[in-house]
N, C-alpha and C. Protein backbone atom coordinates (compact mmCIF):
# COMPACT_ATOMS: atom_id res chain seq x y z
N MET A 1 14.34 10.91 14.40
CA MET A 1 13.42 9.96 14.67
C MET A 1 11.93 10.81 13.52
N LEU A 2 11.20 10.14 12.69
CA LEU A 2 10.43 11.01 12.00
C LEU A 2 9.48 11.48 12.28
N LYS A 3 9.57 12.97 12.58
CA LYS A 3 7.92 13.79 12.92
C LYS A 3 6.93 13.81 11.97
N ILE A 4 5.67 13.92 12.10
CA ILE A 4 4.84 14.80 10.57
C ILE A 4 4.35 15.13 11.51
N SER A 5 4.07 16.90 10.89
CA SER A 5 3.06 17.44 10.87
C SER A 5 2.44 18.28 10.58
N LEU A 6 0.48 17.78 12.02
CA LEU A 6 -0.50 17.09 11.78
C LEU A 6 -1.40 18.30 11.91
N VAL A 7 -1.78 18.65 10.96
CA VAL A 7 -3.37 19.87 11.07
C VAL A 7 -4.24 19.66 10.21
N LEU A 8 -5.25 19.57 11.14
CA LEU A 8 -6.77 19.17 10.71
C LEU A 8 -7.46 20.85 10.56
N THR A 9 -8.88 19.71 9.19
CA THR A 9 -9.26 21.60 9.66
C THR A 9 -10.54 20.57 9.51
N ALA A 10 -11.24 21.15 10.13
CA ALA A 10 -13.20 20.26 10.07
C ALA A 10 -13.40 21.20 9.37
N LEU A 11 -14.66 20.51 8.12
CA LEU A 11 -15.61 20.80 7.78
C LEU A 11 -17.27 19.92 7.77
N MET A 12 -17.96 20.01 8.87
CA MET A 12 -18.61 19.33 9.02
C MET A 12 -19.24 20.36 9.43
N SER A 13 -21.16 19.29 8.68
CA SER A 13 -22.36 19.98 8.35
C SER A 13 -22.75 19.93 9.07
N SER A 14 -22.64 18.96 9.97
CA SER A 14 -23.89 18.42 10.96
C SER A 14 -23.33 17.45 12.02
N PHE A 15 -23.59 18.05 13.38
CA PHE A 15 -22.53 17.48 14.22
C PHE A 15 -23.49 16.12 14.67
N LEU A 16 -24.87 15.25 14.28
CA LEU A 16 -25.18 14.23 13.59
C LEU A 16 -24.05 13.07 13.18
N CYS A 17 -23.63 13.51 11.80
CA CYS A 17 -23.31 12.61 11.28
C CYS A 17 -22.00 11.89 11.55
N HIS A 18 -22.92 10.63 11.07
CA HIS A 18 -21.86 9.72 12.03
C HIS A 18 -20.80 8.76 11.14
N ALA A 19 -20.91 9.10 9.67
CA ALA A 19 -19.95 8.88 8.81
C ALA A 19 -19.07 9.79 8.26
N GLY A 20 -17.77 9.67 8.34
CA GLY A 20 -16.89 10.43 7.86
C GLY A 20 -15.86 10.51 7.06
N SER A 21 -14.88 12.14 6.66
CA SER A 21 -14.12 11.19 6.12
C SER A 21 -12.93 11.46 5.64
N LEU A 22 -11.54 11.47 5.94
CA LEU A 22 -10.07 12.31 6.67
C LEU A 22 -9.34 12.19 4.84
N THR A 23 -9.43 13.44 4.07
CA THR A 23 -8.36 13.99 3.16
C THR A 23 -7.11 13.98 3.97
N VAL A 24 -5.91 13.25 3.07
CA VAL A 24 -4.87 13.11 3.79
C VAL A 24 -3.75 14.10 2.45
N MET A 25 -2.65 15.56 2.52
CA MET A 25 -2.34 15.62 1.53
C MET A 25 -0.38 15.06 2.37
N LEU A 26 -0.50 14.80 1.41
CA LEU A 26 1.22 14.25 1.85
C LEU A 26 2.19 14.57 1.32
N SER A 27 3.44 15.31 2.14
CA SER A 27 4.18 15.52 1.28
C SER A 27 5.56 14.90 1.75
N SER A 28 6.86 15.46 1.04
CA SER A 28 8.26 15.07 1.27
C SER A 28 8.60 16.49 2.46
N LYS A 29 10.38 16.29 3.19
CA LYS A 29 10.85 17.20 3.81
C LYS A 29 10.87 18.13 2.81
N GLU A 30 10.97 17.99 1.40
CA GLU A 30 11.21 19.19 0.49
C GLU A 30 9.81 19.01 0.49
N GLY A 31 8.88 18.72 0.41
CA GLY A 31 7.87 20.01 0.24
C GLY A 31 6.81 18.97 -0.94
N LYS A 32 7.43 17.94 -1.54
CA LYS A 32 7.02 17.27 -3.25
C LYS A 32 5.99 16.72 -2.47
N PRO A 33 4.69 16.58 -2.92
CA PRO A 33 3.73 14.95 -3.04
C PRO A 33 4.78 14.02 -3.10
N LEU A 34 3.63 12.99 -2.04
CA LEU A 34 3.89 11.43 -2.38
C LEU A 34 3.79 11.07 -2.73
N ALA A 35 3.86 10.54 -3.35
CA ALA A 35 2.73 9.29 -4.20
C ALA A 35 3.34 8.00 -3.67
N ASN A 36 1.45 7.09 -3.94
CA ASN A 36 2.39 5.76 -3.84
C ASN A 36 1.76 4.77 -2.35
N ALA A 37 2.28 6.03 -1.20
CA ALA A 37 2.12 5.67 0.06
C ALA A 37 0.92 5.48 0.79
N VAL A 38 0.57 3.95 1.53
CA VAL A 38 -0.68 3.80 2.09
C VAL A 38 -0.77 4.38 3.56
N VAL A 39 -1.70 5.14 3.89
CA VAL A 39 -2.27 6.44 4.64
C VAL A 39 -3.26 5.23 5.44
N TYR A 40 -3.66 4.82 6.99
CA TYR A 40 -4.58 4.15 7.43
C TYR A 40 -4.75 4.79 8.76
N LEU A 41 -6.51 4.02 8.80
CA LEU A 41 -6.39 4.93 10.23
C LEU A 41 -6.94 3.05 11.39
N GLU A 42 -6.21 3.48 12.96
CA GLU A 42 -6.68 2.32 12.68
C GLU A 42 -6.86 2.66 14.39
N SER A 43 -8.67 1.69 15.28
CA SER A 43 -8.00 1.94 16.34
C SER A 43 -8.44 0.75 17.32
N SER A 44 -9.01 0.18 18.35
CA SER A 44 -8.97 -0.73 19.47
C SER A 44 -9.57 -1.94 19.11
N SER A 45 -10.82 -1.07 18.47
CA SER A 45 -12.30 -1.73 17.87
C SER A 45 -12.33 -2.31 16.07
N SER A 46 -11.46 -1.51 15.33
CA SER A 46 -11.58 -1.59 14.12
C SER A 46 -10.60 -3.09 13.19
N ALA A 47 -9.89 -4.37 13.77
CA ALA A 47 -10.01 -4.95 13.42
C ALA A 47 -10.71 -5.92 12.70
N SER A 48 -10.52 -6.23 11.38
CA SER A 48 -11.85 -6.99 10.83
C SER A 48 -11.30 -7.46 9.36
N SER A 49 -11.71 -8.95 9.23
CA SER A 49 -11.43 -9.37 8.06
C SER A 49 -11.99 -8.87 6.76
N TYR A 50 -11.95 -9.36 6.06
CA TYR A 50 -12.50 -9.01 4.94
C TYR A 50 -14.02 -10.26 3.75
N SER A 51 -14.86 -9.27 4.24
CA SER A 51 -16.05 -9.56 3.60
C SER A 51 -16.54 -9.44 2.23
N GLY A 52 -15.58 -8.67 1.12
CA GLY A 52 -16.54 -9.20 0.00
C GLY A 52 -16.13 -9.21 -0.82
N LYS A 53 -16.09 -9.76 -1.99
CA LYS A 53 -15.50 -10.51 -3.29
C LYS A 53 -14.93 -10.01 -4.13
N ASP A 54 -14.33 -8.91 -4.42
CA ASP A 54 -13.44 -8.13 -5.34
C ASP A 54 -12.13 -9.23 -4.81
N VAL A 55 -11.49 -9.39 -5.88
CA VAL A 55 -10.07 -9.78 -5.85
C VAL A 55 -9.14 -8.53 -6.04
N ALA A 56 -7.85 -8.13 -5.11
CA ALA A 56 -6.70 -7.52 -5.82
C ALA A 56 -6.27 -7.80 -6.63
N ILE A 57 -5.22 -6.69 -7.92
CA ILE A 57 -4.42 -7.19 -8.78
C ILE A 57 -3.20 -7.08 -9.18
N MET A 58 -2.51 -7.68 -8.32
CA MET A 58 -0.72 -7.43 -8.90
C MET A 58 -0.08 -7.67 -10.33
N ASP A 59 -0.24 -7.46 -10.81
CA ASP A 59 0.32 -7.82 -12.17
C ASP A 59 2.06 -7.52 -12.25
N GLN A 60 2.09 -8.41 -13.71
CA GLN A 60 3.44 -8.32 -14.09
C GLN A 60 3.80 -7.06 -15.29
N VAL A 61 4.30 -6.20 -15.70
CA VAL A 61 4.26 -5.61 -16.19
C VAL A 61 6.10 -4.99 -15.98
N ASN A 62 6.70 -5.38 -17.99
CA ASN A 62 7.53 -4.96 -18.47
C ASN A 62 9.02 -5.19 -17.16
N ARG A 63 7.92 -6.62 -16.65
CA ARG A 63 9.81 -7.26 -15.32
C ARG A 63 9.36 -6.01 -14.66
N GLN A 64 8.23 -5.60 -14.31
CA GLN A 64 8.05 -5.39 -12.89
C GLN A 64 7.06 -5.39 -12.43
N PHE A 65 6.68 -5.24 -11.01
CA PHE A 65 5.36 -5.36 -10.46
C PHE A 65 4.13 -4.32 -11.03
N SER A 66 3.37 -4.23 -10.48
CA SER A 66 2.38 -3.09 -11.36
C SER A 66 0.91 -3.93 -10.51
N PRO A 67 1.14 -2.23 -9.49
CA PRO A 67 1.70 -1.29 -8.65
C PRO A 67 2.91 -1.85 -8.81
N TYR A 68 3.51 -0.72 -6.99
CA TYR A 68 5.27 -1.55 -7.28
C TYR A 68 4.14 -1.53 -5.13
N ILE A 69 3.74 -0.93 -5.04
CA ILE A 69 2.73 -0.97 -3.73
C ILE A 69 1.34 -1.20 -4.26
N LEU A 70 0.75 -2.91 -3.29
CA LEU A 70 -0.48 -2.17 -3.36
C LEU A 70 -1.55 -2.93 -2.09
N PRO A 71 -2.76 -1.31 -1.87
CA PRO A 71 -2.34 -1.87 -0.33
C PRO A 71 -3.91 -2.38 -0.45
N VAL A 72 -4.28 -3.50 0.30
CA VAL A 72 -4.55 -4.84 0.46
C VAL A 72 -5.28 -4.86 1.74
N GLN A 73 -6.91 -5.29 2.53
CA GLN A 73 -8.07 -5.27 3.64
C GLN A 73 -7.35 -6.85 4.13
N LYS A 74 -6.42 -7.19 5.32
CA LYS A 74 -6.54 -9.02 6.10
C LYS A 74 -7.95 -9.82 5.07
N GLY A 75 -7.46 -10.63 4.92
CA GLY A 75 -8.57 -11.46 4.29
C GLY A 75 -9.01 -11.36 2.82
N GLN A 76 -8.90 -10.57 1.97
CA GLN A 76 -8.42 -10.72 1.08
C GLN A 76 -7.79 -11.57 -0.18
N SER A 77 -8.75 -11.43 -1.85
CA SER A 77 -7.40 -12.58 -2.25
C SER A 77 -7.16 -11.41 -3.50
N VAL A 78 -5.78 -11.39 -3.93
CA VAL A 78 -4.83 -11.16 -4.92
C VAL A 78 -4.82 -11.61 -5.89
N ALA A 79 -4.69 -11.51 -6.83
CA ALA A 79 -4.84 -12.53 -8.38
C ALA A 79 -3.13 -11.77 -8.49
N PHE A 80 -2.28 -13.08 -9.40
CA PHE A 80 -1.05 -12.08 -10.31
C PHE A 80 -1.01 -12.72 -11.45
N PRO A 81 -1.72 -11.67 -11.47
CA PRO A 81 -2.30 -12.32 -13.62
C PRO A 81 -0.24 -12.35 -14.39
N ASN A 82 0.08 -12.67 -15.79
CA ASN A 82 0.89 -12.67 -16.44
C ASN A 82 0.88 -11.31 -17.53
N SER A 83 1.32 -10.52 -17.74
CA SER A 83 0.88 -9.62 -18.91
C SER A 83 2.03 -9.88 -19.23
N ASP A 84 3.21 -10.56 -19.59
CA ASP A 84 4.84 -10.50 -20.32
C ASP A 84 4.18 -11.75 -20.65
N SER A 85 5.43 -11.47 -21.69
CA SER A 85 5.58 -12.69 -22.65
C SER A 85 6.14 -13.45 -21.71
N ILE A 86 7.88 -13.78 -20.46
CA ILE A 86 8.26 -14.27 -20.33
C ILE A 86 7.93 -14.57 -18.58
N LYS A 87 8.70 -15.70 -18.39
CA LYS A 87 8.37 -16.71 -17.00
C LYS A 87 8.54 -15.49 -16.01
N HIS A 88 7.43 -15.26 -14.62
CA HIS A 88 7.67 -14.88 -13.73
C HIS A 88 8.21 -16.29 -12.65
N HIS A 89 8.87 -15.72 -11.46
CA HIS A 89 8.30 -17.03 -9.88
C HIS A 89 8.16 -15.92 -8.96
N VAL A 90 7.35 -15.73 -8.86
CA VAL A 90 6.99 -14.72 -7.32
C VAL A 90 6.83 -15.38 -6.18
N TYR A 91 7.46 -15.04 -4.96
CA TYR A 91 8.12 -14.97 -3.87
C TYR A 91 8.02 -13.98 -3.02
N SER A 92 7.37 -14.90 -1.61
CA SER A 92 7.57 -13.31 -0.25
C SER A 92 7.83 -14.43 -0.11
N PHE A 93 9.15 -14.26 1.17
CA PHE A 93 9.48 -14.86 2.21
C PHE A 93 9.45 -13.92 4.47
N SER A 94 7.86 -12.86 3.92
CA SER A 94 7.62 -12.06 4.77
C SER A 94 6.80 -12.43 5.62
N PRO A 95 7.00 -12.68 6.59
CA PRO A 95 6.25 -13.28 8.20
C PRO A 95 4.64 -13.76 8.16
N ALA A 96 4.31 -11.76 7.02
CA ALA A 96 2.90 -11.51 7.21
C ALA A 96 2.15 -12.53 6.21
N LYS A 97 3.10 -12.81 4.97
CA LYS A 97 2.79 -13.90 3.87
C LYS A 97 3.87 -15.00 3.21
N VAL A 98 4.16 -16.23 3.30
CA VAL A 98 4.68 -16.81 2.52
C VAL A 98 4.06 -17.24 1.34
N PHE A 99 5.09 -17.76 1.07
CA PHE A 99 4.42 -18.10 -0.78
C PHE A 99 5.46 -18.05 -1.97
N GLU A 100 4.83 -18.87 -2.87
CA GLU A 100 5.38 -18.31 -4.05
C GLU A 100 4.56 -19.01 -5.09
N LEU A 101 4.57 -18.11 -6.57
CA LEU A 101 4.35 -18.71 -7.68
C LEU A 101 4.92 -18.84 -9.66
N GLN A 102 4.29 -20.12 -9.67
CA GLN A 102 5.49 -19.71 -11.25
C GLN A 102 4.25 -19.29 -11.52
N LEU A 103 4.90 -18.47 -12.74
CA LEU A 103 3.63 -17.12 -13.60
C LEU A 103 3.95 -17.16 -14.81
N TYR A 104 3.06 -18.11 -15.97
CA TYR A 104 2.83 -18.51 -17.05
C TYR A 104 2.36 -17.38 -17.81
N LYS A 105 3.32 -17.33 -19.50
CA LYS A 105 1.84 -16.11 -20.13
C LYS A 105 0.42 -16.87 -20.12
N GLY A 106 -0.21 -15.92 -20.15
CA GLY A 106 -1.67 -17.19 -20.90
C GLY A 106 -2.45 -18.59 -19.89
N VAL A 107 -1.52 -18.14 -18.33
CA VAL A 107 -2.15 -19.48 -17.52
C VAL A 107 -2.03 -18.01 -16.52
N THR A 108 -3.39 -19.14 -16.37
CA THR A 108 -4.42 -17.74 -15.26
C THR A 108 -3.67 -18.48 -12.74
N ALA A 109 -2.79 -18.24 -12.40
CA ALA A 109 -2.13 -18.15 -11.52
C ALA A 109 -3.43 -18.60 -10.09
N LYS A 110 -3.37 -19.60 -9.08
CA LYS A 110 -4.16 -19.45 -8.23
C LYS A 110 -4.01 -17.94 -7.42
N SER A 111 -5.26 -17.31 -6.96
CA SER A 111 -5.30 -15.99 -6.40
C SER A 111 -4.48 -16.44 -4.70
N VAL A 112 -4.33 -15.91 -4.19
CA VAL A 112 -3.85 -16.30 -2.81
C VAL A 112 -4.12 -15.37 -1.65
N ILE A 113 -4.16 -15.84 -0.88
CA ILE A 113 -4.96 -14.60 0.15
C ILE A 113 -4.78 -14.72 1.06
N PHE A 114 -4.31 -13.19 1.65
CA PHE A 114 -3.05 -12.21 2.26
C PHE A 114 -4.32 -12.44 4.09
N ASP A 115 -4.48 -13.15 5.13
CA ASP A 115 -4.69 -13.57 6.30
C ASP A 115 -4.24 -12.83 7.04
N LYS A 116 -2.86 -12.54 7.16
CA LYS A 116 -2.92 -11.97 8.45
C LYS A 116 -2.33 -9.77 7.73
N SER A 117 -2.49 -9.55 8.64
CA SER A 117 -1.79 -7.74 8.61
C SER A 117 -0.36 -7.49 8.55
N GLY A 118 0.27 -6.71 8.34
CA GLY A 118 1.43 -6.76 8.38
C GLY A 118 2.48 -5.88 6.91
N ILE A 119 3.54 -6.71 6.81
CA ILE A 119 4.00 -5.65 5.14
C ILE A 119 4.49 -7.26 4.49
N VAL A 120 4.00 -7.31 3.19
CA VAL A 120 4.48 -8.23 2.53
C VAL A 120 5.18 -7.49 1.31
N GLU A 121 6.81 -8.13 1.21
CA GLU A 121 7.35 -8.08 -0.03
C GLU A 121 7.66 -8.81 -0.49
N LEU A 122 7.88 -8.29 -1.84
CA LEU A 122 7.37 -9.20 -3.39
C LEU A 122 8.70 -8.69 -3.57
N GLY A 123 9.36 -10.90 -4.42
CA GLY A 123 10.76 -10.84 -5.93
C GLY A 123 10.51 -11.91 -6.38
N CYS A 124 10.91 -11.26 -7.18
CA CYS A 124 11.17 -12.74 -8.32
C CYS A 124 12.08 -13.65 -8.93
N ASN A 125 12.43 -14.72 -8.41
CA ASN A 125 13.68 -15.00 -8.86
C ASN A 125 14.35 -16.11 -10.19
N VAL A 126 13.76 -15.50 -11.23
CA VAL A 126 13.72 -15.50 -12.64
C VAL A 126 14.43 -14.53 -12.45
N HIS A 127 13.94 -13.06 -12.18
CA HIS A 127 14.37 -11.13 -12.21
C HIS A 127 14.83 -10.96 -11.07
N ASP A 128 16.61 -10.59 -10.75
CA ASP A 128 16.84 -10.47 -9.19
C ASP A 128 16.76 -8.87 -8.76
N TRP A 129 15.96 -8.10 -9.51
CA TRP A 129 15.89 -7.01 -10.34
C TRP A 129 14.47 -6.12 -9.21
N MET A 130 13.09 -7.70 -9.48
CA MET A 130 11.53 -7.12 -9.35
C MET A 130 11.37 -6.51 -7.55
N LEU A 131 10.90 -5.60 -7.83
CA LEU A 131 10.10 -5.12 -5.75
C LEU A 131 8.86 -5.02 -6.11
N GLY A 132 8.43 -5.35 -4.64
CA GLY A 132 7.16 -5.17 -5.25
C GLY A 132 6.88 -5.09 -3.44
N TYR A 133 6.09 -4.34 -3.15
CA TYR A 133 4.82 -4.74 -2.20
C TYR A 133 3.76 -4.88 -1.93
N ILE A 134 2.63 -5.99 -1.01
CA ILE A 134 1.33 -6.15 -0.21
C ILE A 134 1.27 -5.53 0.97
N PHE A 135 0.65 -4.16 1.00
CA PHE A 135 0.25 -3.93 2.73
C PHE A 135 -1.32 -4.97 3.31
N VAL A 136 -0.91 -5.24 4.02
CA VAL A 136 -1.72 -5.88 4.05
C VAL A 136 -2.61 -4.79 5.45
N ALA A 137 -3.82 -4.58 5.61
CA ALA A 137 -4.54 -3.55 6.28
C ALA A 137 -5.07 -4.60 7.56
N ASP A 138 -5.79 -4.29 9.23
CA ASP A 138 -6.28 -4.56 9.03
C ASP A 138 -7.87 -4.39 9.30
N ASN A 139 -8.95 -2.49 8.65
CA ASN A 139 -9.72 -2.65 8.88
C ASN A 139 -9.63 -2.20 7.18
N PRO A 140 -10.57 -1.50 6.60
CA PRO A 140 -10.97 -0.98 5.39
C PRO A 140 -10.96 0.43 4.97
N TYR A 141 -9.89 1.16 5.58
CA TYR A 141 -10.52 2.44 6.39
C TYR A 141 -8.25 2.36 6.36
N PHE A 142 -8.57 2.48 5.01
CA PHE A 142 -6.51 3.12 3.99
C PHE A 142 -7.14 3.15 2.51
N ALA A 143 -6.61 3.79 2.43
CA ALA A 143 -7.00 4.72 0.94
C ALA A 143 -4.71 5.27 0.14
N GLN A 144 -4.61 4.97 -0.63
CA GLN A 144 -3.38 5.44 -1.10
C GLN A 144 -3.20 6.15 -2.57
N THR A 145 -1.89 7.30 -1.60
CA THR A 145 -1.87 8.60 -2.18
C THR A 145 -1.65 8.48 -4.20
N ASP A 146 -2.15 9.26 -4.16
CA ASP A 146 -2.13 9.85 -5.83
C ASP A 146 -0.34 10.78 -6.35
N LYS A 147 -0.97 10.92 -7.33
CA LYS A 147 0.79 11.64 -7.44
C LYS A 147 1.04 13.08 -7.13
N LYS A 148 -0.30 13.17 -6.84
CA LYS A 148 -0.57 14.84 -5.92
C LYS A 148 0.66 14.78 -4.70
N GLY A 149 -0.06 13.36 -3.67
CA GLY A 149 0.06 12.77 -2.85
C GLY A 149 -1.06 12.77 -1.98
N ASN A 150 -2.33 13.00 -2.52
CA ASN A 150 -3.63 13.69 -1.95
C ASN A 150 -4.08 12.09 -1.31
N ALA A 151 -5.06 11.48 -0.69
CA ALA A 151 -5.87 10.24 -0.76
C ALA A 151 -7.02 10.89 0.62
N THR A 152 -8.40 9.97 0.37
CA THR A 152 -9.08 9.99 1.24
C THR A 152 -9.63 9.05 1.55
N ILE A 153 -10.06 8.87 2.87
CA ILE A 153 -10.15 7.31 3.86
C ILE A 153 -11.31 7.43 4.47
N GLU A 154 -12.36 6.57 4.13
CA GLU A 154 -13.92 6.52 4.36
C GLU A 154 -13.76 5.68 5.40
N ALA A 155 -14.82 6.71 6.98
CA ALA A 155 -14.06 6.01 7.86
C ALA A 155 -15.60 6.20 9.05
N PRO A 156 -16.32 5.90 9.94
CA PRO A 156 -17.36 6.23 10.84
C PRO A 156 -16.65 6.68 11.78
N ASP A 157 -17.02 7.72 11.87
CA ASP A 157 -16.58 9.10 13.52
C ASP A 157 -16.28 7.96 15.16
N GLY A 158 -15.40 8.65 14.71
CA GLY A 158 -14.56 8.05 15.99
C GLY A 158 -13.18 8.17 16.55
N GLU A 159 -12.18 8.07 17.51
CA GLU A 159 -10.97 8.10 17.76
C GLU A 159 -10.25 7.38 17.13
N TYR A 160 -9.33 7.85 16.26
CA TYR A 160 -8.26 6.42 15.88
C TYR A 160 -6.74 6.78 15.61
N LYS A 161 -6.33 6.11 15.16
CA LYS A 161 -4.28 6.32 15.34
C LYS A 161 -4.11 6.80 13.79
N LEU A 162 -3.56 7.74 13.13
CA LEU A 162 -4.00 7.66 11.88
C LEU A 162 -2.18 7.58 11.33
N LYS A 163 -1.90 7.10 10.56
CA LYS A 163 -0.49 6.06 9.90
C LYS A 163 0.24 6.18 8.59
N VAL A 164 0.99 5.79 8.23
CA VAL A 164 1.67 6.72 6.89
C VAL A 164 2.71 5.71 6.86
N TRP A 165 2.28 5.09 5.58
CA TRP A 165 3.94 4.04 5.40
C TRP A 165 4.43 3.66 4.12
N HIS A 166 5.66 3.82 3.74
CA HIS A 166 6.02 4.31 2.18
C HIS A 166 7.12 3.70 2.43
N SER A 167 7.24 2.33 1.49
CA SER A 167 8.78 1.60 1.21
C SER A 167 9.83 3.02 1.63
N ARG A 168 10.27 3.45 1.11
CA ARG A 168 11.01 4.93 1.03
C ARG A 168 10.75 5.70 2.18
N VAL A 169 10.22 5.23 3.72
CA VAL A 169 10.51 5.69 4.58
C VAL A 169 11.40 5.53 5.25
N ALA A 170 12.74 5.88 6.21
CA ALA A 170 13.56 4.99 6.44
C ALA A 170 13.40 3.48 7.51
N GLU A 171 13.97 2.86 7.93
CA GLU A 171 13.20 1.51 7.93
C GLU A 171 12.70 1.28 9.64
N GLN A 172 13.69 2.30 10.68
CA GLN A 172 12.75 2.66 11.90
C GLN A 172 11.92 3.01 12.30
N ASP A 173 11.22 3.95 11.25
CA ASP A 173 10.14 4.69 11.23
C ASP A 173 9.21 4.65 10.18
N LYS A 174 9.49 3.47 8.71
CA LYS A 174 8.01 3.18 8.24
C LYS A 174 6.60 3.39 9.05
N GLU A 175 6.52 3.37 10.26
CA GLU A 175 4.74 3.77 10.98
C GLU A 175 4.93 4.81 11.74
N LYS A 176 3.94 5.66 11.52
CA LYS A 176 4.70 6.86 12.91
C LYS A 176 2.38 7.17 13.45
N ALA A 177 2.35 7.79 13.87
CA ALA A 177 1.24 7.17 14.41
C ALA A 177 0.53 8.65 14.55
N MET A 178 -0.18 8.97 14.72
CA MET A 178 -0.80 10.66 15.75
C MET A 178 -2.48 9.99 15.33
N THR A 179 -3.03 10.61 16.42
CA THR A 179 -4.03 10.24 16.83
C THR A 179 -5.13 11.02 16.42
N VAL A 180 -6.00 10.71 15.49
CA VAL A 180 -7.49 11.82 15.21
C VAL A 180 -8.74 11.39 15.89
N LYS A 181 -9.44 12.47 15.88
CA LYS A 181 -10.59 12.34 16.61
C LYS A 181 -12.12 12.47 14.83
N LEU A 182 -12.23 12.02 14.48
CA LEU A 182 -13.18 12.12 13.18
C LEU A 182 -14.50 12.09 13.46
N ALA A 183 -14.48 12.54 12.12
CA ALA A 183 -16.49 13.56 12.75
C ALA A 183 -16.25 14.57 12.00
N GLY A 184 -17.54 13.37 10.52
CA GLY A 184 -17.95 14.91 9.74
C GLY A 184 -16.21 14.46 8.47
N LYS A 185 -16.60 15.65 7.67
CA LYS A 185 -15.49 15.54 6.70
C LYS A 185 -14.48 16.74 7.09
N GLN A 186 -12.49 15.90 6.88
CA GLN A 186 -11.94 16.85 7.59
C GLN A 186 -10.81 16.65 6.62
N SER A 187 -9.39 17.06 6.75
CA SER A 187 -8.54 17.44 6.28
C SER A 187 -6.99 16.87 7.36
N ALA A 188 -5.91 16.25 6.07
CA ALA A 188 -5.14 16.73 7.14
C ALA A 188 -3.08 17.26 6.54
N ASN A 189 -2.87 17.54 6.74
CA ASN A 189 -1.61 17.63 6.10
C ASN A 189 -0.45 17.61 6.90
N ILE A 190 0.08 16.30 5.71
CA ILE A 190 1.36 15.46 6.54
C ILE A 190 2.34 15.97 5.65
N GLN A 191 3.40 16.61 6.14
CA GLN A 191 4.69 16.86 6.10
C GLN A 191 5.62 15.95 6.30
N LEU A 192 6.37 14.86 5.91
CA LEU A 192 7.76 13.81 6.64
C LEU A 192 9.49 15.04 6.65
N SER A 193 10.04 14.94 8.14
CA SER A 193 10.94 15.70 8.92
C SER A 193 12.05 14.88 8.41
N GLU A 194 12.21 13.73 7.51
CA GLU A 194 13.04 13.09 7.26
C GLU A 194 13.29 12.67 5.93
N ALA A 195 14.24 13.06 4.99
CA ALA A 195 14.71 12.91 3.43
C ALA A 195 14.50 11.38 2.95
N LEU A 196 13.20 10.30 2.09
CA LEU A 196 13.15 9.69 1.27
C LEU A 196 14.59 8.71 1.63
N ALA A 197 14.48 7.37 1.41
CA ALA A 197 15.45 6.81 1.53
C ALA A 197 15.50 6.62 0.39
N GLU A 198 16.83 6.21 -0.53
CA GLU A 198 17.20 6.17 -2.26
C GLU A 198 16.18 4.81 -2.45
N ASP A 199 15.03 5.51 -3.86
CA ASP A 199 14.40 4.55 -4.76
C ASP A 199 15.70 3.64 -5.40
N THR A 200 14.93 2.29 -4.85
CA THR A 200 16.20 0.77 -5.17
C THR A 200 15.40 0.47 -6.11
N ALA A 201 14.18 0.86 -6.75
CA ALA A 201 13.02 0.50 -7.88
C ALA A 201 13.99 0.47 -9.06
N TYR A 202 13.97 -0.61 -9.84
CA TYR A 202 15.42 -0.59 -11.06
C TYR A 202 14.34 -1.56 -12.20
N TYR A 203 15.25 -0.25 -13.45
CA TYR A 203 14.49 -0.81 -14.59
C TYR A 203 15.56 -1.94 -15.45
N GLU A 204 14.87 -3.19 -15.98
CA GLU A 204 16.11 -3.71 -16.73
C GLU A 204 15.01 -3.26 -18.34
N GLU A 205 16.66 -3.32 -18.83
CA GLU A 205 15.64 -2.12 -20.21
C GLU A 205 16.18 -3.94 -20.70
N GLU A 206 17.50 -3.63 -21.27
CA GLU A 206 17.63 -5.12 -21.55
C GLU A 206 18.13 -6.48 -21.37
N GLN A 207 16.93 -7.43 -23.04
CA GLN A 207 16.56 -8.46 -22.23
C GLN A 207 17.33 -9.60 -22.10
N ASP A 208 17.60 -10.70 -21.43
CA ASP A 208 18.05 -11.55 -19.96
C ASP A 208 18.04 -12.62 -21.29
N GLU A 209 18.38 -13.97 -20.49
CA GLU A 209 18.60 -15.11 -20.71
C GLU A 209 17.16 -15.32 -20.38
N PHE A 210 16.20 -15.46 -19.44
CA PHE A 210 15.33 -15.72 -19.59
C PHE A 210 14.42 -14.85 -20.34
N SER A 211 14.10 -13.93 -20.79
CA SER A 211 13.84 -13.78 -22.21
C SER A 211 13.08 -14.73 -23.45
N ALA A 212 12.92 -17.10 -22.92
CA ALA A 212 12.28 -16.68 -24.57
C ALA A 212 11.96 -17.48 -23.80
N TYR A 213 11.02 -18.15 -22.28
CA TYR A 213 10.20 -17.78 -22.26
C TYR A 213 9.04 -17.61 -21.74
N GLU A 214 8.16 -18.44 -23.65
CA GLU A 214 7.36 -17.71 -23.66
C GLU A 214 5.63 -18.29 -23.63
């Protein structure tokens, strides 16, 4: 089983603080920073649908999804522009969202609302190697780790389940919960105890038969 070692360091300046932040430092089994992971907080009362107007972006760049992993809140819309000069046909058969879009250069497709939490795996019917993920969270208390493996989550003080998700963590252990009591500013060091799965991202260098789509 995947094990996460968690160390919390309280940096509270006042016990009267009602809004907290948790800075997470995530590393692999080998101690290397793990980028593009989603860290998030869950509680029995924290689920909510997105009420803002911001539209998240999942682009197509050099025949790859950009970004590779996109976290959004349940109820948020995602636009799928095509920055390539070729056609893409994006689809997903994931239970959290089933859809398909034909994307042409210079044509803006209708955005998609992700109204169910879960993992949405993306593919392209034109380019088989393309793979991407949209992580749909139940609440706004999530963040994505940067190149140094760091991310900060802002949330009201309270008790939560801290979870981590990344596509290269073993299938049966993609989510692992740890109880945290957030009060003021805190930090958490998380190191995975199992090796990451092989990176399946594939970058096609040669032009293919579909490059004629302009």
